[in-house]
Each structure stands twice: as C-alpha cells, then as structure tokens.
Amino acid sequence: MALVEITRFPDVYEAGLAAAFLADQGIQVEVTERFQTTVDPLMQRALGLRLMVPSDQVETARDLLARAAGGEFATEDEDDLVAPSPTTRNLGRGLALTLAVMGAFWGNSLPQRLRTIHWIGVALIAGIIALSLIVALSI
C-alpha cells in the first residue's frame, strides 16, 4: 500500500504521541523525518514531522486525530501523590536548610576527600544548629 500524509507536526514529541495514539487504535503509522529532526532540532520547524498511514486508513486516522484534539479520549487527571504531612514537610525543609548551611551538597560534584578541617567545620555547624534547636524548643 502507498503511504499518505495525514498531518504534519512541528515537534518530534507531538508527532511521537500522535503516532503512539494511532498505533494504539490499530492504525499502521510511520513518522518521517524523525532522524533529520533529532540530529538537528532546528530542522523540526523547517521540515516538520509527517505522519504517514496506508491509503486505506487515511480517513479513519484523520477522524481519530480530530476526535482526540476535541478531547473525546481525555480522561480525568487524578493526582496520585499524597500530600505530605506538616511534620514531614518541616523535617524536609529543616534538612535542606541544614545541608545548605553546612555546604553538604556534595553529591553534585565529583567525589572528593574531605580534609580534617572540613569535618571540623561540619561538626561545628552541626553543633550550633543542634544547640539552637535545643534553645528554641526549651523556650
């Protein structure tokens, strides 16, 4: 069968989503210019990405895309994340603040050996924070 262009997308992600949707609906689909546009992203705007389907599935594919654009296949967007408790949120903020003050965001750089002076500084700052927490809680 000859392939026919049903639509053109200016973005590789939109084209990929539309192609996956059509494939899920049983339509054989090809995305052209994918290689050229991923090698040089500026070519996405110049060439666009074409969705190609066999000539006997053109009307069905266009109808499905039009219905999807109209929101017929949309589902309720549920937030499956549970909101953290105030205690958890405060502990997280305290930990982040403590690490920021101590300069302990070491994970974003190459591993390096901490010298004695670094450990002394970490211990002093941790002691100051612990002492200020004790004073704050006793008031």
C-alpha atoms as a PDB file:
ATOM      1  CA  MET A   1       0.000   0.000   0.000  1.00  0.00           C
ATOM      2  CA  ALA A   2       1.080   3.542  -0.656  1.00  0.00           C
ATOM      3  CA  LEU A   3       1.607   5.748   2.354  1.00  0.00           C
ATOM      4  CA  VAL A   4      -0.302   9.031   2.535  1.00  0.00           C
ATOM      5  CA  GLU A   5       0.466  12.039   4.737  1.00  0.00           C
ATOM      6  CA  ILE A   6      -2.369  12.715   7.169  1.00  0.00           C
ATOM      7  CA  THR A   7      -0.849  15.561   9.151  1.00  0.00           C
ATOM      8  CA  ARG A   8       2.408  17.331   9.922  1.00  0.00           C
ATOM      9  CA  PHE A   9       3.779  18.254  13.367  1.00  0.00           C
ATOM     10  CA  PRO A  10       6.408  20.883  14.181  1.00  0.00           C
ATOM     11  CA  ASP A  11       7.664  18.928  17.203  1.00  0.00           C
ATOM     12  CA  VAL A  12       9.083  15.410  17.480  1.00  0.00           C
ATOM     13  CA  TYR A  13       7.278  14.795  20.780  1.00  0.00           C
ATOM     14  CA  GLU A  14       3.853  15.731  19.429  1.00  0.00           C
ATOM     15  CA  ALA A  15       4.419  13.547  16.405  1.00  0.00           C
ATOM     16  CA  GLY A  16       5.509  10.654  18.604  1.00  0.00           C
ATOM     17  CA  LEU A  17       2.443  10.995  20.838  1.00  0.00           C
ATOM     18  CA  ALA A  18       0.088  11.138  17.865  1.00  0.00           C
ATOM     19  CA  ALA A  19       1.796   8.129  16.287  1.00  0.00           C
ATOM     20  CA  ALA A  20       1.551   6.148  19.521  1.00  0.00           C
ATOM     21  CA  PHE A  21      -2.136   7.059  19.838  1.00  0.00           C
ATOM     22  CA  LEU A  22      -2.888   5.950  16.283  1.00  0.00           C
ATOM     23  CA  ALA A  23      -0.899   2.742  16.718  1.00  0.00           C
ATOM     24  CA  ASP A  24      -2.868   2.040  19.896  1.00  0.00           C
ATOM     25  CA  GLN A  25      -6.063   2.433  17.874  1.00  0.00           C
ATOM     26  CA  GLY A  26      -4.857  -0.148  15.344  1.00  0.00           C
ATOM     27  CA  ILE A  27      -3.647   2.227  12.624  1.00  0.00           C
ATOM     28  CA  GLN A  28      -0.324   1.483  10.932  1.00  0.00           C
ATOM     29  CA  VAL A  29       1.624   4.733  11.134  1.00  0.00           C
ATOM     30  CA  GLU A  30       5.068   5.956  10.097  1.00  0.00           C
ATOM     31  CA  VAL A  31       6.769   9.128  11.345  1.00  0.00           C
ATOM     32  CA  THR A  32       9.023  10.581   8.671  1.00  0.00           C
ATOM     33  CA  GLU A  33      11.940  12.981   9.063  1.00  0.00           C
ATOM     34  CA  ARG A  34      12.490  11.730  12.616  1.00  0.00           C
ATOM     35  CA  PHE A  35      16.202  11.161  12.086  1.00  0.00           C
ATOM     36  CA  GLN A  36      16.910  14.543  10.489  1.00  0.00           C
ATOM     37  CA  THR A  37      14.971  16.475  13.107  1.00  0.00           C
ATOM     38  CA  THR A  38      16.553  14.713  16.077  1.00  0.00           C
ATOM     39  CA  VAL A  39      20.076  15.217  14.716  1.00  0.00           C
ATOM     40  CA  ASP A  40      19.411  18.913  14.106  1.00  0.00           C
ATOM     41  CA  PRO A  41      16.468  20.166  16.200  1.00  0.00           C
ATOM     42  CA  LEU A  42      16.233  23.375  14.157  1.00  0.00           C
ATOM     43  CA  MET A  43      15.081  21.232  11.256  1.00  0.00           C
ATOM     44  CA  GLN A  44      11.887  20.377  13.158  1.00  0.00           C
ATOM     45  CA  ARG A  45      10.443  23.775  12.300  1.00  0.00           C
ATOM     46  CA  ALA A  46      11.765  23.713   8.749  1.00  0.00           C
ATOM     47  CA  LEU A  47      10.720  20.195   7.760  1.00  0.00           C
ATOM     48  CA  GLY A  48       8.110  19.222  10.290  1.00  0.00           C
ATOM     49  CA  LEU A  49       7.402  15.590  11.000  1.00  0.00           C
ATOM     50  CA  ARG A  50       4.855  13.876   8.804  1.00  0.00           C
ATOM     51  CA  LEU A  51       2.542  11.113   9.943  1.00  0.00           C
ATOM     52  CA  MET A  52       2.071   8.664   7.126  1.00  0.00           C
ATOM     53  CA  VAL A  53      -0.555   5.902   7.026  1.00  0.00           C
ATOM     54  CA  PRO A  54      -1.645   3.420   4.360  1.00  0.00           C
ATOM     55  CA  SER A  55      -4.109   4.918   1.883  1.00  0.00           C
ATOM     56  CA  ASP A  56      -6.983   2.728   3.076  1.00  0.00           C
ATOM     57  CA  GLN A  57      -6.655   4.062   6.673  1.00  0.00           C
ATOM     58  CA  VAL A  58      -6.424   7.794   5.929  1.00  0.00           C
ATOM     59  CA  GLU A  59      -9.995   8.765   6.807  1.00  0.00           C
ATOM     60  CA  THR A  60     -10.011   6.692   9.993  1.00  0.00           C
ATOM     61  CA  ALA A  61      -6.683   8.167  11.132  1.00  0.00           C
ATOM     62  CA  ARG A  62      -7.749  11.761  10.436  1.00  0.00           C
ATOM     63  CA  ASP A  63     -11.046  11.168  12.223  1.00  0.00           C
ATOM     64  CA  LEU A  64      -9.272   9.718  15.263  1.00  0.00           C
ATOM     65  CA  LEU A  65      -6.850  12.653  15.437  1.00  0.00           C
ATOM     66  CA  ALA A  66      -9.695  15.171  15.130  1.00  0.00           C
ATOM     67  CA  ARG A  67     -11.642  13.418  17.894  1.00  0.00           C
ATOM     68  CA  ALA A  68      -8.529  13.328  20.097  1.00  0.00           C
ATOM     69  CA  ALA A  69      -7.913  17.041  19.509  1.00  0.00           C
ATOM     70  CA  GLY A  70     -11.519  17.661  20.548  1.00  0.00           C
ATOM     71  CA  GLY A  71     -10.890  15.901  23.855  1.00  0.00           C
ATOM     72  CA  GLU A  72     -13.031  12.834  23.284  1.00  0.00           C
ATOM     73  CA  PHE A  73     -10.368  10.466  24.594  1.00  0.00           C
ATOM     74  CA  ALA A  74      -9.339  12.641  27.553  1.00  0.00           C
ATOM     75  CA  THR A  75      -9.591  11.097  30.984  1.00  0.00           C
ATOM     76  CA  GLU A  76      -9.883  12.575  34.430  1.00  0.00           C
ATOM     77  CA  ASP A  77      -6.452  13.734  35.527  1.00  0.00           C
ATOM     78  CA  GLU A  78      -6.031  12.368  39.019  1.00  0.00           C
ATOM     79  CA  ASP A  79      -3.261  13.375  41.333  1.00  0.00           C
ATOM     80  CA  ASP A  80      -1.988  10.128  42.802  1.00  0.00           C
ATOM     81  CA  LEU A  81       0.544  11.818  45.061  1.00  0.00           C
ATOM     82  CA  VAL A  82      -0.406  12.047  48.694  1.00  0.00           C
ATOM     83  CA  ALA A  83       0.195  15.462  50.219  1.00  0.00           C
ATOM     84  CA  PRO A  84       2.976  15.302  52.804  1.00  0.00           C
ATOM     85  CA  SER A  85       2.081  15.876  56.415  1.00  0.00           C
ATOM     86  CA  PRO A  86       3.195  19.154  58.009  1.00  0.00           C
ATOM     87  CA  THR A  87       5.737  17.236  60.091  1.00  0.00           C
ATOM     88  CA  THR A  88       7.283  15.636  57.013  1.00  0.00           C
ATOM     89  CA  ARG A  89       7.342  18.951  55.181  1.00  0.00           C
ATOM     90  CA  ASN A  90       9.002  20.739  58.093  1.00  0.00           C
ATOM     91  CA  LEU A  91      11.582  17.977  58.542  1.00  0.00           C
ATOM     92  CA  GLY A  92      12.402  18.150  54.840  1.00  0.00           C
ATOM     93  CA  ARG A  93      12.798  21.907  54.954  1.00  0.00           C
ATOM     94  CA  GLY A  94      14.962  21.643  58.061  1.00  0.00           C
ATOM     95  CA  LEU A  95      17.187  19.020  56.470  1.00  0.00           C
ATOM     96  CA  ALA A  96      17.547  21.051  53.275  1.00  0.00           C
ATOM     97  CA  LEU A  97      18.377  24.182  55.255  1.00  0.00           C
ATOM     98  CA  THR A  98      20.880  22.296  57.412  1.00  0.00           C
ATOM     99  CA  LEU A  99      22.634  20.829  54.395  1.00  0.00           C
ATOM    100  CA  ALA A 100      22.670  24.189  52.631  1.00  0.00           C
ATOM    101  CA  VAL A 101      24.193  25.918  55.651  1.00  0.00           C
ATOM    102  CA  MET A 102      26.761  23.162  56.081  1.00  0.00           C
ATOM    103  CA  GLY A 103      27.622  23.184  52.415  1.00  0.00           C
ATOM    104  CA  ALA A 104      26.905  19.487  52.366  1.00  0.00           C
ATOM    105  CA  PHE A 105      25.502  19.241  48.856  1.00  0.00           C
ATOM    106  CA  TRP A 106      28.497  17.145  47.887  1.00  0.00           C
ATOM    107  CA  GLY A 107      26.561  14.771  45.642  1.00  0.00           C
ATOM    108  CA  ASN A 108      26.540  17.129  42.685  1.00  0.00           C
ATOM    109  CA  SER A 109      30.280  17.124  42.168  1.00  0.00           C
ATOM    110  CA  LEU A 110      32.951  14.532  41.684  1.00  0.00           C
ATOM    111  CA  PRO A 111      33.810  12.561  44.797  1.00  0.00           C
ATOM    112  CA  GLN A 112      36.461  14.277  46.787  1.00  0.00           C
ATOM    113  CA  ARG A 113      38.177  13.540  50.019  1.00  0.00           C
ATOM    114  CA  LEU A 114      37.230  15.795  52.881  1.00  0.00           C
ATOM    115  CA  ARG A 115      40.133  17.018  54.937  1.00  0.00           C
ATOM    116  CA  THR A 116      40.154  17.291  58.693  1.00  0.00           C
ATOM    117  CA  ILE A 117      39.336  20.984  58.564  1.00  0.00           C
ATOM    118  CA  HIS A 118      36.174  20.225  56.591  1.00  0.00           C
ATOM    119  CA  TRP A 119      34.986  17.698  59.159  1.00  0.00           C
ATOM    120  CA  ILE A 120      35.695  20.162  61.951  1.00  0.00           C
ATOM    121  CA  GLY A 121      33.578  22.767  60.183  1.00  0.00           C
ATOM    122  CA  VAL A 122      30.747  20.290  59.643  1.00  0.00           C
ATOM    123  CA  ALA A 123      30.854  19.277  63.311  1.00  0.00           C
ATOM    124  CA  LEU A 124      30.876  22.923  64.482  1.00  0.00           C
ATOM    125  CA  ILE A 125      27.932  23.890  62.299  1.00  0.00           C
ATOM    126  CA  ALA A 126      26.006  20.768  63.318  1.00  0.00           C
ATOM    127  CA  GLY A 127      26.688  21.596  66.972  1.00  0.00           C
ATOM    128  CA  ILE A 128      25.492  25.176  66.521  1.00  0.00           C
ATOM    129  CA  ILE A 129      22.321  24.008  64.805  1.00  0.00           C
ATOM    130  CA  ALA A 130      21.673  21.383  67.495  1.00  0.00           C
ATOM    131  CA  LEU A 131      22.261  23.938  70.256  1.00  0.00           C
ATOM    132  CA  SER A 132      19.935  26.458  68.620  1.00  0.00           C
ATOM    133  CA  LEU A 133      17.241  23.779  68.251  1.00  0.00           C
ATOM    134  CA  ILE A 134      17.559  22.871  71.933  1.00  0.00           C
ATOM    135  CA  VAL A 135      17.276  26.524  72.923  1.00  0.00           C
ATOM    136  CA  ALA A 136      14.328  27.080  70.568  1.00  0.00           C
ATOM    137  CA  LEU A 137      12.454  24.026  71.871  1.00  0.00           C
ATOM    138  CA  SER A 138      13.053  24.931  75.518  1.00  0.00           C
ATOM    139  CA  ILE A 139      11.508  28.380  75.151  1.00  0.00           C
END
